[in-house]
Amino acid sequence: MEWILGLLGGLLGGNVAGAKNGLGLAGNSIAGAVGGGLTGALLQGVMGGGMDVTQIASQVGGGGAVGAALAAVVGAVVKRSKSKS
């Protein structure tokens, strides 16, 4: 259940950070969801189960941050490879 919160945070973070990178809504959503879902699963393993306010905030926040970073990195790589072509 906790990884879903990371996934949702990643979706949001990916689209916020990736707004200018040219991946579009679907690309930003996928990159953000992958980063957020993986972060959510990792945090769940480290912090254990449970649904208190702190864990919910860390799942969504961590997923959003990693999702945003991954969308930005993927966007930069795609943009760079397009400019070399």
PDB file of N, CA and C in Angstrom:
ATOM      1  N   MET A   1       0.822  -1.205   0.000  1.00  0.00           N
ATOM      2  CA  MET A   1       0.000   0.000   0.000  1.00  0.00           C
ATOM      3  C   MET A   1       0.859   1.259   0.000  1.00  0.00           C
ATOM      4  N   GLU A   2       1.955   1.240   0.747  1.00  0.00           N
ATOM      5  CA  GLU A   2       2.776   2.428   0.862  1.00  0.00           C
ATOM      6  C   GLU A   2       3.424   2.812  -0.465  1.00  0.00           C
ATOM      7  N   TRP A   3       3.775   1.825  -1.290  1.00  0.00           N
ATOM      8  CA  TRP A   3       4.405   2.144  -2.574  1.00  0.00           C
ATOM      9  C   TRP A   3       3.456   2.890  -3.488  1.00  0.00           C
ATOM     10  N   ILE A   4       2.145   2.703  -3.276  1.00  0.00           N
ATOM     11  CA  ILE A   4       1.161   3.427  -4.088  1.00  0.00           C
ATOM     12  C   ILE A   4       1.249   4.924  -3.800  1.00  0.00           C
ATOM     13  N   LEU A   5       1.471   5.273  -2.532  1.00  0.00           N
ATOM     14  CA  LEU A   5       1.630   6.684  -2.191  1.00  0.00           C
ATOM     15  C   LEU A   5       2.877   7.257  -2.862  1.00  0.00           C
ATOM     16  N   GLY A   6       3.953   6.484  -2.887  1.00  0.00           N
ATOM     17  CA  GLY A   6       5.161   6.921  -3.579  1.00  0.00           C
ATOM     18  C   GLY A   6       4.923   7.072  -5.074  1.00  0.00           C
ATOM     19  N   LEU A   7       4.162   6.152  -5.642  1.00  0.00           N
ATOM     20  CA  LEU A   7       3.821   6.204  -7.054  1.00  0.00           C
ATOM     21  C   LEU A   7       3.031   7.466  -7.377  1.00  0.00           C
ATOM     22  N   LEU A   8       2.048   7.778  -6.557  1.00  0.00           N
ATOM     23  CA  LEU A   8       1.243   8.980  -6.781  1.00  0.00           C
ATOM     24  C   LEU A   8       2.087  10.247  -6.629  1.00  0.00           C
ATOM     25  N   GLY A   9       2.942  10.262  -5.621  1.00  0.00           N
ATOM     26  CA  GLY A   9       3.853  11.398  -5.459  1.00  0.00           C
ATOM     27  C   GLY A   9       4.778  11.532  -6.654  1.00  0.00           C
ATOM     28  N   GLY A  10       5.249  10.405  -7.163  1.00  0.00           N
ATOM     29  CA  GLY A  10       6.116  10.412  -8.339  1.00  0.00           C
ATOM     30  C   GLY A  10       5.406  10.929  -9.581  1.00  0.00           C
ATOM     31  N   LEU A  11       4.158  10.547  -9.759  1.00  0.00           N
ATOM     32  CA  LEU A  11       3.374  11.063 -10.889  1.00  0.00           C
ATOM     33  C   LEU A  11       3.307  12.585 -10.847  1.00  0.00           C
ATOM     34  N   LEU A  12       2.993  13.100  -9.689  1.00  0.00           N
ATOM     35  CA  LEU A  12       2.889  14.547  -9.524  1.00  0.00           C
ATOM     36  C   LEU A  12       4.250  15.217  -9.707  1.00  0.00           C
ATOM     37  N   GLY A  13       5.261  14.690  -9.023  1.00  0.00           N
ATOM     38  CA  GLY A  13       6.599  15.276  -9.115  1.00  0.00           C
ATOM     39  C   GLY A  13       7.169  15.208 -10.517  1.00  0.00           C
ATOM     40  N   GLY A  14       6.947  14.111 -11.204  1.00  0.00           N
ATOM     41  CA  GLY A  14       7.442  13.960 -12.561  1.00  0.00           C
ATOM     42  C   GLY A  14       6.848  14.980 -13.515  1.00  0.00           C
ATOM     43  N   ASN A  15       5.576  15.260 -13.349  1.00  0.00           N
ATOM     44  CA  ASN A  15       4.931  16.236 -14.228  1.00  0.00           C
ATOM     45  C   ASN A  15       5.276  17.666 -13.868  1.00  0.00           C
ATOM     46  N   VAL A  16       5.514  17.933 -12.601  1.00  0.00           N
ATOM     47  CA  VAL A  16       5.925  19.284 -12.205  1.00  0.00           C
ATOM     48  C   VAL A  16       7.343  19.568 -12.696  1.00  0.00           C
ATOM     49  N   ALA A  17       8.255  18.667 -12.442  1.00  0.00           N
ATOM     50  CA  ALA A  17       9.650  18.889 -12.830  1.00  0.00           C
ATOM     51  C   ALA A  17       9.864  18.733 -14.324  1.00  0.00           C
ATOM     52  N   GLY A  18       9.091  17.895 -14.963  1.00  0.00           N
ATOM     53  CA  GLY A  18       9.299  17.619 -16.374  1.00  0.00           C
ATOM     54  C   GLY A  18       8.493  18.492 -17.307  1.00  0.00           C
ATOM     55  N   ALA A  19       7.887  19.553 -16.801  1.00  0.00           N
ATOM     56  CA  ALA A  19       7.009  20.379 -17.626  1.00  0.00           C
ATOM     57  C   ALA A  19       7.723  20.988 -18.827  1.00  0.00           C
ATOM     58  N   LYS A  20       9.026  21.224 -18.718  1.00  0.00           N
ATOM     59  CA  LYS A  20       9.752  21.892 -19.804  1.00  0.00           C
ATOM     60  C   LYS A  20      10.727  20.977 -20.530  1.00  0.00           C
ATOM     61  N   ASN A  21      10.680  19.677 -20.287  1.00  0.00           N
ATOM     62  CA  ASN A  21      11.707  18.817 -20.868  1.00  0.00           C
ATOM     63  C   ASN A  21      11.301  18.115 -22.153  1.00  0.00           C
ATOM     64  N   GLY A  22      10.090  18.279 -22.605  1.00  0.00           N
ATOM     65  CA  GLY A  22       9.697  17.733 -23.890  1.00  0.00           C
ATOM     66  C   GLY A  22       9.264  16.282 -23.901  1.00  0.00           C
ATOM     67  N   LEU A  23       9.128  15.651 -22.751  1.00  0.00           N
ATOM     68  CA  LEU A  23       8.664  14.263 -22.733  1.00  0.00           C
ATOM     69  C   LEU A  23       7.151  14.170 -22.857  1.00  0.00           C
ATOM     70  N   GLY A  24       6.465  15.223 -22.573  1.00  0.00           N
ATOM     71  CA  GLY A  24       5.008  15.227 -22.622  1.00  0.00           C
ATOM     72  C   GLY A  24       4.411  14.624 -21.361  1.00  0.00           C
ATOM     73  N   LEU A  25       3.113  14.667 -21.287  1.00  0.00           N
ATOM     74  CA  LEU A  25       2.396  14.189 -20.107  1.00  0.00           C
ATOM     75  C   LEU A  25       2.660  12.711 -19.844  1.00  0.00           C
ATOM     76  N   ALA A  26       2.576  11.897 -20.880  1.00  0.00           N
ATOM     77  CA  ALA A  26       2.771  10.453 -20.691  1.00  0.00           C
ATOM     78  C   ALA A  26       4.199  10.127 -20.272  1.00  0.00           C
ATOM     79  N   GLY A  27       5.181  10.729 -20.930  1.00  0.00           N
ATOM     80  CA  GLY A  27       6.581  10.461 -20.596  1.00  0.00           C
ATOM     81  C   GLY A  27       6.936  10.905 -19.191  1.00  0.00           C
ATOM     82  N   ASN A  28       6.486  12.101 -18.819  1.00  0.00           N
ATOM     83  CA  ASN A  28       6.747  12.597 -17.465  1.00  0.00           C
ATOM     84  C   ASN A  28       6.053  11.729 -16.422  1.00  0.00           C
ATOM     85  N   SER A  29       4.837  11.308 -16.726  1.00  0.00           N
ATOM     86  CA  SER A  29       4.086  10.459 -15.794  1.00  0.00           C
ATOM     87  C   SER A  29       4.769   9.117 -15.598  1.00  0.00           C
ATOM     88  N   ILE A  30       5.237   8.517 -16.687  1.00  0.00           N
ATOM     89  CA  ILE A  30       5.898   7.215 -16.584  1.00  0.00           C
ATOM     90  C   ILE A  30       7.199   7.331 -15.805  1.00  0.00           C
ATOM     91  N   ALA A  31       8.026   8.319 -16.152  1.00  0.00           N
ATOM     92  CA  ALA A  31       9.301   8.494 -15.447  1.00  0.00           C
ATOM     93  C   ALA A  31       9.061   8.791 -13.970  1.00  0.00           C
ATOM     94  N   GLY A  32       8.117   9.664 -13.676  1.00  0.00           N
ATOM     95  CA  GLY A  32       7.813   9.994 -12.286  1.00  0.00           C
ATOM     96  C   GLY A  32       7.260   8.804 -11.519  1.00  0.00           C
ATOM     97  N   ALA A  33       6.366   8.043 -12.150  1.00  0.00           N
ATOM     98  CA  ALA A  33       5.770   6.880 -11.485  1.00  0.00           C
ATOM     99  C   ALA A  33       6.812   5.812 -11.197  1.00  0.00           C
ATOM    100  N   VAL A  34       7.730   5.594 -12.130  1.00  0.00           N
ATOM    101  CA  VAL A  34       8.781   4.600 -11.904  1.00  0.00           C
ATOM    102  C   VAL A  34       9.648   5.026 -10.721  1.00  0.00           C
ATOM    103  N   GLY A  35      10.103   6.269 -10.742  1.00  0.00           N
ATOM    104  CA  GLY A  35      10.931   6.762  -9.642  1.00  0.00           C
ATOM    105  C   GLY A  35      10.200   6.774  -8.312  1.00  0.00           C
ATOM    106  N   GLY A  36       8.969   7.232  -8.331  1.00  0.00           N
ATOM    107  CA  GLY A  36       8.177   7.289  -7.102  1.00  0.00           C
ATOM    108  C   GLY A  36       7.811   5.923  -6.567  1.00  0.00           C
ATOM    109  N   GLY A  37       7.437   5.005  -7.465  1.00  0.00           N
ATOM    110  CA  GLY A  37       7.085   3.646  -7.038  1.00  0.00           C
ATOM    111  C   GLY A  37       8.266   2.914  -6.434  1.00  0.00           C
ATOM    112  N   LEU A  38       9.425   3.049  -7.069  1.00  0.00           N
ATOM    113  CA  LEU A  38      10.633   2.411  -6.518  1.00  0.00           C
ATOM    114  C   LEU A  38      11.011   3.012  -5.170  1.00  0.00           C
ATOM    115  N   THR A  39      10.896   4.322  -5.064  1.00  0.00           N
ATOM    116  CA  THR A  39      11.196   4.978  -3.790  1.00  0.00           C
ATOM    117  C   THR A  39      10.215   4.545  -2.717  1.00  0.00           C
ATOM    118  N   GLY A  40       8.938   4.454  -3.072  1.00  0.00           N
ATOM    119  CA  GLY A  40       7.934   4.009  -2.111  1.00  0.00           C
ATOM    120  C   GLY A  40       8.207   2.608  -1.610  1.00  0.00           C
ATOM    121  N   ALA A  41       8.586   1.721  -2.527  1.00  0.00           N
ATOM    122  CA  ALA A  41       8.898   0.342  -2.134  1.00  0.00           C
ATOM    123  C   ALA A  41      10.145   0.305  -1.250  1.00  0.00           C
ATOM    124  N   LEU A  42      11.142   1.109  -1.587  1.00  0.00           N
ATOM    125  CA  LEU A  42      12.365   1.160  -0.787  1.00  0.00           C
ATOM    126  C   LEU A  42      12.083   1.703   0.614  1.00  0.00           C
ATOM    127  N   LEU A  43      11.331   2.793   0.686  1.00  0.00           N
ATOM    128  CA  LEU A  43      11.010   3.364   1.995  1.00  0.00           C
ATOM    129  C   LEU A  43      10.158   2.417   2.827  1.00  0.00           C
ATOM    130  N   GLN A  44       9.265   1.680   2.181  1.00  0.00           N
ATOM    131  CA  GLN A  44       8.447   0.706   2.897  1.00  0.00           C
ATOM    132  C   GLN A  44       9.334  -0.365   3.517  1.00  0.00           C
ATOM    133  N   GLY A  45      10.329  -0.822   2.760  1.00  0.00           N
ATOM    134  CA  GLY A  45      11.239  -1.834   3.288  1.00  0.00           C
ATOM    135  C   GLY A  45      12.085  -1.322   4.439  1.00  0.00           C
ATOM    136  N   VAL A  46      12.509  -0.080   4.337  1.00  0.00           N
ATOM    137  CA  VAL A  46      13.363   0.502   5.381  1.00  0.00           C
ATOM    138  C   VAL A  46      12.565   0.863   6.629  1.00  0.00           C
ATOM    139  N   MET A  47      11.399   1.478   6.425  1.00  0.00           N
ATOM    140  CA  MET A  47      10.623   1.985   7.553  1.00  0.00           C
ATOM    141  C   MET A  47       9.627   0.975   8.098  1.00  0.00           C
ATOM    142  N   GLY A  48       9.365  -0.084   7.349  1.00  0.00           N
ATOM    143  CA  GLY A  48       8.378  -1.064   7.793  1.00  0.00           C
ATOM    144  C   GLY A  48       6.972  -0.615   7.438  1.00  0.00           C
ATOM    145  N   GLY A  49       6.005  -1.431   7.761  1.00  0.00           N
ATOM    146  CA  GLY A  49       4.611  -1.133   7.453  1.00  0.00           C
ATOM    147  C   GLY A  49       4.028  -0.134   8.420  1.00  0.00           C
ATOM    148  N   GLY A  50       2.867   0.337   8.126  1.00  0.00           N
ATOM    149  CA  GLY A  50       2.185   1.295   8.988  1.00  0.00           C
ATOM    150  C   GLY A  50       1.733   2.492   8.196  1.00  0.00           C
ATOM    151  N   MET A  51       0.753   3.176   8.712  1.00  0.00           N
ATOM    152  CA  MET A  51       0.206   4.306   7.984  1.00  0.00           C
ATOM    153  C   MET A  51       0.015   5.516   8.898  1.00  0.00           C
ATOM    154  N   ASP A  52       1.050   5.935   9.601  1.00  0.00           N
ATOM    155  CA  ASP A  52       0.905   7.149  10.374  1.00  0.00           C
ATOM    156  C   ASP A  52       1.230   8.351   9.485  1.00  0.00           C
ATOM    157  N   VAL A  53       0.999   9.542   9.980  1.00  0.00           N
ATOM    158  CA  VAL A  53       1.152  10.754   9.189  1.00  0.00           C
ATOM    159  C   VAL A  53       2.578  10.923   8.688  1.00  0.00           C
ATOM    160  N   THR A  54       3.547  10.596   9.504  1.00  0.00           N
ATOM    161  CA  THR A  54       4.947  10.734   9.108  1.00  0.00           C
ATOM    162  C   THR A  54       5.284   9.817   7.947  1.00  0.00           C
ATOM    163  N   GLN A  55       4.835   8.590   7.988  1.00  0.00           N
ATOM    164  CA  GLN A  55       5.123   7.663   6.904  1.00  0.00           C
ATOM    165  C   GLN A  55       4.402   8.045   5.626  1.00  0.00           C
ATOM    166  N   ILE A  56       3.183   8.517   5.729  1.00  0.00           N
ATOM    167  CA  ILE A  56       2.459   8.960   4.541  1.00  0.00           C
ATOM    168  C   ILE A  56       3.188  10.132   3.896  1.00  0.00           C
ATOM    169  N   ALA A  57       3.597  11.093   4.703  1.00  0.00           N
ATOM    170  CA  ALA A  57       4.317  12.256   4.179  1.00  0.00           C
ATOM    171  C   ALA A  57       5.641  11.853   3.554  1.00  0.00           C
ATOM    172  N   SER A  58       6.351  10.915   4.181  1.00  0.00           N
ATOM    173  CA  SER A  58       7.637  10.501   3.618  1.00  0.00           C
ATOM    174  C   SER A  58       7.456   9.724   2.324  1.00  0.00           C
ATOM    175  N   GLN A  59       6.420   8.925   2.221  1.00  0.00           N
ATOM    176  CA  GLN A  59       6.154   8.174   0.992  1.00  0.00           C
ATOM    177  C   GLN A  59       5.829   9.117  -0.165  1.00  0.00           C
ATOM    178  N   VAL A  60       4.916  10.045   0.074  1.00  0.00           N
ATOM    179  CA  VAL A  60       4.505  10.969  -0.982  1.00  0.00           C
ATOM    180  C   VAL A  60       5.638  11.937  -1.318  1.00  0.00           C
ATOM    181  N   GLY A  61       6.279  12.485  -0.295  1.00  0.00           N
ATOM    182  CA  GLY A  61       7.375  13.425  -0.521  1.00  0.00           C
ATOM    183  C   GLY A  61       8.575  12.784  -1.182  1.00  0.00           C
ATOM    184  N   GLY A  62       8.967  11.622  -0.701  1.00  0.00           N
ATOM    185  CA  GLY A  62      10.097  10.915  -1.299  1.00  0.00           C
ATOM    186  C   GLY A  62       9.805  10.496  -2.725  1.00  0.00           C
ATOM    187  N   GLY A  63       8.614   9.981  -2.947  1.00  0.00           N
ATOM    188  CA  GLY A  63       8.223   9.594  -4.303  1.00  0.00           C
ATOM    189  C   GLY A  63       8.175  10.780  -5.237  1.00  0.00           C
ATOM    190  N   GLY A  64       7.674  11.894  -4.737  1.00  0.00           N
ATOM    191  CA  GLY A  64       7.615  13.110  -5.559  1.00  0.00           C
ATOM    192  C   GLY A  64       8.990  13.632  -5.911  1.00  0.00           C
ATOM    193  N   ALA A  65       9.887  13.638  -4.939  1.00  0.00           N
ATOM    194  CA  ALA A  65      11.244  14.143  -5.184  1.00  0.00           C
ATOM    195  C   ALA A  65      12.001  13.259  -6.168  1.00  0.00           C
ATOM    196  N   VAL A  66      11.961  11.962  -5.964  1.00  0.00           N
ATOM    197  CA  VAL A  66      12.676  11.058  -6.856  1.00  0.00           C
ATOM    198  C   VAL A  66      12.004  11.010  -8.233  1.00  0.00           C
ATOM    199  N   GLY A  67      10.692  11.045  -8.260  1.00  0.00           N
ATOM    200  CA  GLY A  67       9.984  11.087  -9.535  1.00  0.00           C
ATOM    201  C   GLY A  67      10.323  12.343 -10.328  1.00  0.00           C
ATOM    202  N   ALA A  68      10.406  13.472  -9.641  1.00  0.00           N
ATOM    203  CA  ALA A  68      10.787  14.723 -10.300  1.00  0.00           C
ATOM    204  C   ALA A  68      12.209  14.649 -10.831  1.00  0.00           C
ATOM    205  N   ALA A  69      13.107  14.132 -10.027  1.00  0.00           N
ATOM    206  CA  ALA A  69      14.505  14.024 -10.450  1.00  0.00           C
ATOM    207  C   ALA A  69      14.643  13.091 -11.648  1.00  0.00           C
ATOM    208  N   LEU A  70      13.974  11.958 -11.612  1.00  0.00           N
ATOM    209  CA  LEU A  70      14.075  11.004 -12.714  1.00  0.00           C
ATOM    210  C   LEU A  70      13.483  11.580 -13.997  1.00  0.00           C
ATOM    211  N   ALA A  71      12.358  12.263 -13.910  1.00  0.00           N
ATOM    212  CA  ALA A  71      11.765  12.882 -15.094  1.00  0.00           C
ATOM    213  C   ALA A  71      12.696  13.948 -15.669  1.00  0.00           C
ATOM    214  N   ALA A  72      13.327  14.728 -14.806  1.00  0.00           N
ATOM    215  CA  ALA A  72      14.258  15.761 -15.272  1.00  0.00           C
ATOM    216  C   ALA A  72      15.475  15.141 -15.951  1.00  0.00           C
ATOM    217  N   VAL A  73      16.016  14.077 -15.380  1.00  0.00           N
ATOM    218  CA  VAL A  73      17.188  13.421 -15.962  1.00  0.00           C
ATOM    219  C   VAL A  73      16.839  12.781 -17.299  1.00  0.00           C
ATOM    220  N   VAL A  74      15.740  12.063 -17.357  1.00  0.00           N
ATOM    221  CA  VAL A  74      15.330  11.424 -18.611  1.00  0.00           C
ATOM    222  C   VAL A  74      15.063  12.490 -19.670  1.00  0.00           C
ATOM    223  N   GLY A  75      14.410  13.566 -19.286  1.00  0.00           N
ATOM    224  CA  GLY A  75      14.154  14.648 -20.231  1.00  0.00           C
ATOM    225  C   GLY A  75      15.432  15.269 -20.766  1.00  0.00           C
ATOM    226  N   ALA A  76      16.415  15.474 -19.902  1.00  0.00           N
ATOM    227  CA  ALA A  76      17.698  16.041 -20.333  1.00  0.00           C
ATOM    228  C   ALA A  76      18.418  15.098 -21.290  1.00  0.00           C
ATOM    229  N   VAL A  77      18.382  13.815 -20.996  1.00  0.00           N
ATOM    230  CA  VAL A  77      19.040  12.829 -21.867  1.00  0.00           C
ATOM    231  C   VAL A  77      18.361  12.790 -23.236  1.00  0.00           C
ATOM    232  N   VAL A  78      17.033  12.780 -23.242  1.00  0.00           N
ATOM    233  CA  VAL A  78      16.297  12.751 -24.505  1.00  0.00           C
ATOM    234  C   VAL A  78      16.561  14.025 -25.300  1.00  0.00           C
ATOM    235  N   LYS A  79      16.534  15.162 -24.636  1.00  0.00           N
ATOM    236  CA  LYS A  79      16.770  16.435 -25.317  1.00  0.00           C
ATOM    237  C   LYS A  79      18.180  16.478 -25.905  1.00  0.00           C
ATOM    238  N   ARG A  80      19.155  15.981 -25.150  1.00  0.00           N
ATOM    239  CA  ARG A  80      20.538  15.981 -25.621  1.00  0.00           C
ATOM    240  C   ARG A  80      20.716  15.048 -26.819  1.00  0.00           C
ATOM    241  N   SER A  81      20.075  13.875 -26.745  1.00  0.00           N
ATOM    242  CA  SER A  81      20.218  12.930 -27.863  1.00  0.00           C
ATOM    243  C   SER A  81      19.522  13.466 -29.119  1.00  0.00           C
ATOM    244  N   LYS A  82      18.438  14.212 -28.976  1.00  0.00           N
ATOM    245  CA  LYS A  82      17.748  14.802 -30.133  1.00  0.00           C
ATOM    246  C   LYS A  82      18.606  15.899 -30.758  1.00  0.00           C
ATOM    247  N   SER A  83      19.317  16.656 -29.922  1.00  0.00           N
ATOM    248  CA  SER A  83      20.127  17.755 -30.457  1.00  0.00           C
ATOM    249  C   SER A  83      21.362  17.246 -31.179  1.00  0.00           C
ATOM    250  N   LYS A  84      21.836  16.042 -30.880  1.00  0.00           N
ATOM    251  CA  LYS A  84      22.991  15.457 -31.552  1.00  0.00           C
ATOM    252  C   LYS A  84      22.622  14.824 -32.883  1.00  0.00           C
ATOM    253  N   SER A  85      21.336  14.531 -33.063  1.00  0.00           N
ATOM    254  CA  SER A  85      20.884  13.864 -34.297  1.00  0.00           C
ATOM    255  C   SER A  85      20.820  14.808 -35.454  1.00  0.00           C
TER     256      SER A  85
END
